[in-house]
Amino acid sequence: MNTIKAYEEVVDFIAAGTTPQNVIAFRPSEAAQERVEDLLSREKEGELSPPKNPSLTIICSLNI
């Protein structure tokens, strides 16, 4: 993703106000999904720099 972090997409969605049905139906954008896949891949390969680890931790805690 360009300047927005993957987890910020989820935070923005929730902050905008939503319904339980919309929360159930929510799916991250393709760009956010690709970012998470990249972070997970880099984590498995040991290539993830320390500043990126908090991003992965936050994303995983959101369970998206």
PDB file of N, CA and C in Angstrom:
ATOM      1  N   MET A   1       0.852  -1.168   0.000  1.00  0.00           N
ATOM      2  CA  MET A   1       0.000   0.000   0.000  1.00  0.00           C
ATOM      3  C   MET A   1       0.897   1.229   0.000  1.00  0.00           C
ATOM      4  N   ASN A   2       0.406   2.276  -0.557  1.00  0.00           N
ATOM      5  CA  ASN A   2       1.234   3.472  -0.685  1.00  0.00           C
ATOM      6  C   ASN A   2       1.587   4.057   0.677  1.00  0.00           C
ATOM      7  N   THR A   3       0.834   5.033   1.134  1.00  0.00           N
ATOM      8  CA  THR A   3       1.182   5.681   2.395  1.00  0.00           C
ATOM      9  C   THR A   3       0.337   5.172   3.558  1.00  0.00           C
ATOM     10  N   ILE A   4      -0.760   4.523   3.290  1.00  0.00           N
ATOM     11  CA  ILE A   4      -1.622   4.030   4.361  1.00  0.00           C
ATOM     12  C   ILE A   4      -1.203   2.609   4.729  1.00  0.00           C
ATOM     13  N   LYS A   5      -1.219   2.324   6.003  1.00  0.00           N
ATOM     14  CA  LYS A   5      -0.888   0.985   6.465  1.00  0.00           C
ATOM     15  C   LYS A   5      -2.154   0.130   6.383  1.00  0.00           C
ATOM     16  N   ALA A   6      -1.951  -1.157   6.233  1.00  0.00           N
ATOM     17  CA  ALA A   6      -3.081  -2.075   6.070  1.00  0.00           C
ATOM     18  C   ALA A   6      -4.065  -1.974   7.242  1.00  0.00           C
ATOM     19  N   TYR A   7      -3.549  -1.880   8.463  1.00  0.00           N
ATOM     20  CA  TYR A   7      -4.450  -1.828   9.608  1.00  0.00           C
ATOM     21  C   TYR A   7      -5.236  -0.522   9.658  1.00  0.00           C
ATOM     22  N   GLU A   8      -4.695   0.550   9.080  1.00  0.00           N
ATOM     23  CA  GLU A   8      -5.414   1.830   9.080  1.00  0.00           C
ATOM     24  C   GLU A   8      -6.703   1.739   8.266  1.00  0.00           C
ATOM     25  N   GLU A   9      -6.717   0.878   7.270  1.00  0.00           N
ATOM     26  CA  GLU A   9      -7.930   0.671   6.480  1.00  0.00           C
ATOM     27  C   GLU A   9      -9.054   0.142   7.373  1.00  0.00           C
ATOM     28  N   VAL A  10      -8.723  -0.769   8.262  1.00  0.00           N
ATOM     29  CA  VAL A  10      -9.710  -1.333   9.185  1.00  0.00           C
ATOM     30  C   VAL A  10     -10.141  -0.284  10.200  1.00  0.00           C
ATOM     31  N   VAL A  11      -9.185   0.449  10.727  1.00  0.00           N
ATOM     32  CA  VAL A  11      -9.487   1.501  11.703  1.00  0.00           C
ATOM     33  C   VAL A  11     -10.396   2.562  11.077  1.00  0.00           C
ATOM     34  N   ASP A  12     -10.100   2.976   9.868  1.00  0.00           N
ATOM     35  CA  ASP A  12     -10.924   3.969   9.177  1.00  0.00           C
ATOM     36  C   ASP A  12     -12.340   3.454   8.965  1.00  0.00           C
ATOM     37  N   PHE A  13     -12.473   2.180   8.608  1.00  0.00           N
ATOM     38  CA  PHE A  13     -13.787   1.566   8.404  1.00  0.00           C
ATOM     39  C   PHE A  13     -14.609   1.625   9.690  1.00  0.00           C
ATOM     40  N   ILE A  14     -13.999   1.243  10.787  1.00  0.00           N
ATOM     41  CA  ILE A  14     -14.715   1.231  12.069  1.00  0.00           C
ATOM     42  C   ILE A  14     -15.014   2.652  12.534  1.00  0.00           C
ATOM     43  N   ALA A  15     -14.059   3.561  12.379  1.00  0.00           N
ATOM     44  CA  ALA A  15     -14.230   4.939  12.829  1.00  0.00           C
ATOM     45  C   ALA A  15     -15.330   5.669  12.061  1.00  0.00           C
ATOM     46  N   ALA A  16     -15.573   5.255  10.834  1.00  0.00           N
ATOM     47  CA  ALA A  16     -16.604   5.908  10.019  1.00  0.00           C
ATOM     48  C   ALA A  16     -18.012   5.551  10.476  1.00  0.00           C
ATOM     49  N   GLY A  17     -18.117   4.580  11.361  1.00  0.00           N
ATOM     50  CA  GLY A  17     -19.435   4.134  11.817  1.00  0.00           C
ATOM     51  C   GLY A  17     -19.932   3.028  10.903  1.00  0.00           C
ATOM     52  N   THR A  18     -20.487   2.018  11.502  1.00  0.00           N
ATOM     53  CA  THR A  18     -20.910   0.874  10.719  1.00  0.00           C
ATOM     54  C   THR A  18     -21.982   0.096  11.454  1.00  0.00           C
ATOM     55  N   THR A  19     -22.497  -0.901  10.811  1.00  0.00           N
ATOM     56  CA  THR A  19     -23.501  -1.777  11.408  1.00  0.00           C
ATOM     57  C   THR A  19     -22.890  -3.156  11.613  1.00  0.00           C
ATOM     58  N   PRO A  20     -23.491  -3.973  12.462  1.00  0.00           N
ATOM     59  CA  PRO A  20     -22.970  -5.333  12.633  1.00  0.00           C
ATOM     60  C   PRO A  20     -22.905  -6.102  11.308  1.00  0.00           C
ATOM     61  N   GLN A  21     -23.874  -5.891  10.449  1.00  0.00           N
ATOM     62  CA  GLN A  21     -23.880  -6.581   9.154  1.00  0.00           C
ATOM     63  C   GLN A  21     -22.699  -6.151   8.292  1.00  0.00           C
ATOM     64  N   ASN A  22     -22.383  -4.860   8.316  1.00  0.00           N
ATOM     65  CA  ASN A  22     -21.245  -4.367   7.542  1.00  0.00           C
ATOM     66  C   ASN A  22     -19.918  -4.875   8.093  1.00  0.00           C
ATOM     67  N   VAL A  23     -19.838  -5.034   9.406  1.00  0.00           N
ATOM     68  CA  VAL A  23     -18.615  -5.575  10.004  1.00  0.00           C
ATOM     69  C   VAL A  23     -18.409  -7.012   9.543  1.00  0.00           C
ATOM     70  N   ILE A  24     -19.476  -7.792   9.542  1.00  0.00           N
ATOM     71  CA  ILE A  24     -19.390  -9.180   9.087  1.00  0.00           C
ATOM     72  C   ILE A  24     -18.991  -9.249   7.621  1.00  0.00           C
ATOM     73  N   ALA A  25     -19.513  -8.349   6.819  1.00  0.00           N
ATOM     74  CA  ALA A  25     -19.257  -8.364   5.377  1.00  0.00           C
ATOM     75  C   ALA A  25     -17.933  -7.712   4.985  1.00  0.00           C
ATOM     76  N   PHE A  26     -17.294  -7.014   5.917  1.00  0.00           N
ATOM     77  CA  PHE A  26     -16.068  -6.270   5.590  1.00  0.00           C
ATOM     78  C   PHE A  26     -14.974  -7.190   5.094  1.00  0.00           C
ATOM     79  N   ARG A  27     -14.309  -6.764   4.028  1.00  0.00           N
ATOM     80  CA  ARG A  27     -13.130  -7.433   3.490  1.00  0.00           C
ATOM     81  C   ARG A  27     -12.102  -6.352   3.172  1.00  0.00           C
ATOM     82  N   PRO A  28     -10.876  -6.566   3.602  1.00  0.00           N
ATOM     83  CA  PRO A  28      -9.830  -5.587   3.284  1.00  0.00           C
ATOM     84  C   PRO A  28      -9.639  -5.478   1.770  1.00  0.00           C
ATOM     85  N   SER A  29      -9.146  -4.346   1.342  1.00  0.00           N
ATOM     86  CA  SER A  29      -8.886  -4.149  -0.082  1.00  0.00           C
ATOM     87  C   SER A  29      -7.814  -5.126  -0.556  1.00  0.00           C
ATOM     88  N   GLU A  30      -7.733  -5.276  -1.856  1.00  0.00           N
ATOM     89  CA  GLU A  30      -6.712  -6.146  -2.425  1.00  0.00           C
ATOM     90  C   GLU A  30      -5.314  -5.663  -2.042  1.00  0.00           C
ATOM     91  N   ALA A  31      -5.134  -4.359  -2.034  1.00  0.00           N
ATOM     92  CA  ALA A  31      -3.832  -3.795  -1.661  1.00  0.00           C
ATOM     93  C   ALA A  31      -3.478  -4.146  -0.212  1.00  0.00           C
ATOM     94  N   ALA A  32      -4.447  -4.074   0.685  1.00  0.00           N
ATOM     95  CA  ALA A  32      -4.205  -4.415   2.089  1.00  0.00           C
ATOM     96  C   ALA A  32      -3.884  -5.899   2.227  1.00  0.00           C
ATOM     97  N   GLN A  33      -4.609  -6.733   1.506  1.00  0.00           N
ATOM     98  CA  GLN A  33      -4.347  -8.171   1.558  1.00  0.00           C
ATOM     99  C   GLN A  33      -2.941  -8.491   1.039  1.00  0.00           C
ATOM    100  N   GLU A  34      -2.552  -7.834  -0.042  1.00  0.00           N
ATOM    101  CA  GLU A  34      -1.211  -8.046  -0.588  1.00  0.00           C
ATOM    102  C   GLU A  34      -0.141  -7.595   0.398  1.00  0.00           C
ATOM    103  N   ARG A  35      -0.382  -6.494   1.085  1.00  0.00           N
ATOM    104  CA  ARG A  35       0.570  -5.985   2.070  1.00  0.00           C
ATOM    105  C   ARG A  35       0.744  -6.983   3.207  1.00  0.00           C
ATOM    106  N   VAL A  36      -0.356  -7.536   3.696  1.00  0.00           N
ATOM    107  CA  VAL A  36      -0.294  -8.515   4.783  1.00  0.00           C
ATOM    108  C   VAL A  36       0.431  -9.771   4.313  1.00  0.00           C
ATOM    109  N   GLU A  37       0.123 -10.232   3.116  1.00  0.00           N
ATOM    110  CA  GLU A  37       0.806 -11.410   2.567  1.00  0.00           C
ATOM    111  C   GLU A  37       2.310 -11.158   2.464  1.00  0.00           C
ATOM    112  N   ASP A  38       2.680  -9.965   2.031  1.00  0.00           N
ATOM    113  CA  ASP A  38       4.095  -9.613   1.926  1.00  0.00           C
ATOM    114  C   ASP A  38       4.761  -9.619   3.294  1.00  0.00           C
ATOM    115  N   LEU A  39       4.118  -9.011   4.285  1.00  0.00           N
ATOM    116  CA  LEU A  39       4.681  -8.974   5.633  1.00  0.00           C
ATOM    117  C   LEU A  39       4.833 -10.376   6.203  1.00  0.00           C
ATOM    118  N   LEU A  40       3.821 -11.226   6.007  1.00  0.00           N
ATOM    119  CA  LEU A  40       3.889 -12.592   6.524  1.00  0.00           C
ATOM    120  C   LEU A  40       5.010 -13.376   5.842  1.00  0.00           C
ATOM    121  N   SER A  41       5.136 -13.216   4.552  1.00  0.00           N
ATOM    122  CA  SER A  41       6.189 -13.903   3.803  1.00  0.00           C
ATOM    123  C   SER A  41       7.572 -13.460   4.281  1.00  0.00           C
ATOM    124  N   ARG A  42       7.741 -12.161   4.424  1.00  0.00           N
ATOM    125  CA  ARG A  42       9.025 -11.621   4.872  1.00  0.00           C
ATOM    126  C   ARG A  42       9.335 -12.051   6.307  1.00  0.00           C
ATOM    127  N   GLU A  43       8.292 -12.156   7.142  1.00  0.00           N
ATOM    128  CA  GLU A  43       8.481 -12.608   8.524  1.00  0.00           C
ATOM    129  C   GLU A  43       8.978 -14.054   8.531  1.00  0.00           C
ATOM    130  N   LYS A  44       8.375 -14.905   7.708  1.00  0.00           N
ATOM    131  CA  LYS A  44       8.775 -16.316   7.639  1.00  0.00           C
ATOM    132  C   LYS A  44      10.206 -16.472   7.153  1.00  0.00           C
ATOM    133  N   GLU A  45      10.635 -15.600   6.262  1.00  0.00           N
ATOM    134  CA  GLU A  45      11.980 -15.670   5.704  1.00  0.00           C
ATOM    135  C   GLU A  45      13.015 -14.958   6.573  1.00  0.00           C
ATOM    136  N   GLY A  46      12.562 -14.337   7.649  1.00  0.00           N
ATOM    137  CA  GLY A  46      13.475 -13.618   8.528  1.00  0.00           C
ATOM    138  C   GLY A  46      13.958 -12.306   7.938  1.00  0.00           C
ATOM    139  N   GLU A  47      13.228 -11.779   6.967  1.00  0.00           N
ATOM    140  CA  GLU A  47      13.634 -10.554   6.273  1.00  0.00           C
ATOM    141  C   GLU A  47      12.924  -9.308   6.788  1.00  0.00           C
ATOM    142  N   LEU A  48      12.099  -9.454   7.784  1.00  0.00           N
ATOM    143  CA  LEU A  48      11.303  -8.328   8.253  1.00  0.00           C
ATOM    144  C   LEU A  48      12.115  -7.492   9.223  1.00  0.00           C
ATOM    145  N   SER A  49      12.301  -6.232   8.884  1.00  0.00           N
ATOM    146  CA  SER A  49      13.070  -5.336   9.740  1.00  0.00           C
ATOM    147  C   SER A  49      12.261  -4.998  10.994  1.00  0.00           C
ATOM    148  N   PRO A  50      12.936  -4.709  12.090  1.00  0.00           N
ATOM    149  CA  PRO A  50      12.229  -4.415  13.346  1.00  0.00           C
ATOM    150  C   PRO A  50      11.123  -3.357  13.239  1.00  0.00           C
ATOM    151  N   PRO A  51      11.292  -2.269  12.471  1.00  0.00           N
ATOM    152  CA  PRO A  51      10.198  -1.305  12.393  1.00  0.00           C
ATOM    153  C   PRO A  51       8.928  -1.871  11.742  1.00  0.00           C
ATOM    154  N   LYS A  52       9.051  -2.929  10.959  1.00  0.00           N
ATOM    155  CA  LYS A  52       7.878  -3.507  10.314  1.00  0.00           C
ATOM    156  C   LYS A  52       7.161  -4.512  11.217  1.00  0.00           C
ATOM    157  N   ASN A  53       7.846  -5.056  12.226  1.00  0.00           N
ATOM    158  CA  ASN A  53       7.225  -6.032  13.107  1.00  0.00           C
ATOM    159  C   ASN A  53       5.971  -5.514  13.804  1.00  0.00           C
ATOM    160  N   PRO A  54       5.969  -4.273  14.320  1.00  0.00           N
ATOM    161  CA  PRO A  54       4.733  -3.777  14.942  1.00  0.00           C
ATOM    162  C   PRO A  54       3.553  -3.757  13.969  1.00  0.00           C
ATOM    163  N   SER A  55       3.795  -3.453  12.703  1.00  0.00           N
ATOM    164  CA  SER A  55       2.710  -3.453  11.717  1.00  0.00           C
ATOM    165  C   SER A  55       2.095  -4.834  11.621  1.00  0.00           C
ATOM    166  N   LEU A  56       2.919  -5.864  11.560  1.00  0.00           N
ATOM    167  CA  LEU A  56       2.426  -7.228  11.452  1.00  0.00           C
ATOM    168  C   LEU A  56       1.683  -7.624  12.714  1.00  0.00           C
ATOM    169  N   THR A  57       2.201  -7.230  13.866  1.00  0.00           N
ATOM    170  CA  THR A  57       1.543  -7.552  15.143  1.00  0.00           C
ATOM    171  C   THR A  57       0.153  -6.930  15.209  1.00  0.00           C
ATOM    172  N   ILE A  58       0.036  -5.687  14.805  1.00  0.00           N
ATOM    173  CA  ILE A  58      -1.264  -4.998  14.821  1.00  0.00           C
ATOM    174  C   ILE A  58      -2.230  -5.663  13.852  1.00  0.00           C
ATOM    175  N   ILE A  59      -1.780  -5.973  12.659  1.00  0.00           N
ATOM    176  CA  ILE A  59      -2.635  -6.604  11.662  1.00  0.00           C
ATOM    177  C   ILE A  59      -3.138  -7.948  12.157  1.00  0.00           C
ATOM    178  N   CYS A  60      -2.239  -8.737  12.715  1.00  0.00           N
ATOM    179  CA  CYS A  60      -2.635 -10.053  13.211  1.00  0.00           C
ATOM    180  C   CYS A  60      -3.613  -9.951  14.376  1.00  0.00           C
ATOM    181  N   SER A  61      -3.461  -8.949  15.199  1.00  0.00           N
ATOM    182  CA  SER A  61      -4.385  -8.776  16.322  1.00  0.00           C
ATOM    183  C   SER A  61      -5.772  -8.362  15.866  1.00  0.00           C
ATOM    184  N   LEU A  62      -5.861  -7.727  14.693  1.00  0.00           N
ATOM    185  CA  LEU A  62      -7.164  -7.360  14.135  1.00  0.00           C
ATOM    186  C   LEU A  62      -7.871  -8.561  13.533  1.00  0.00           C
ATOM    187  N   ASN A  63      -7.110  -9.620  13.243  1.00  0.00           N
ATOM    188  CA  ASN A  63      -7.665 -10.849  12.691  1.00  0.00           C
ATOM    189  C   ASN A  63      -8.412 -10.605  11.388  1.00  0.00           C
ATOM    190  N   ILE A  64      -7.779  -9.851  10.461  1.00  0.00           N
ATOM    191  CA  ILE A  64      -8.408  -9.572   9.171  1.00  0.00           C
ATOM    192  C   ILE A  64      -8.011 -10.585   8.131  1.00  0.00           C
TER     193      ILE A  64
END
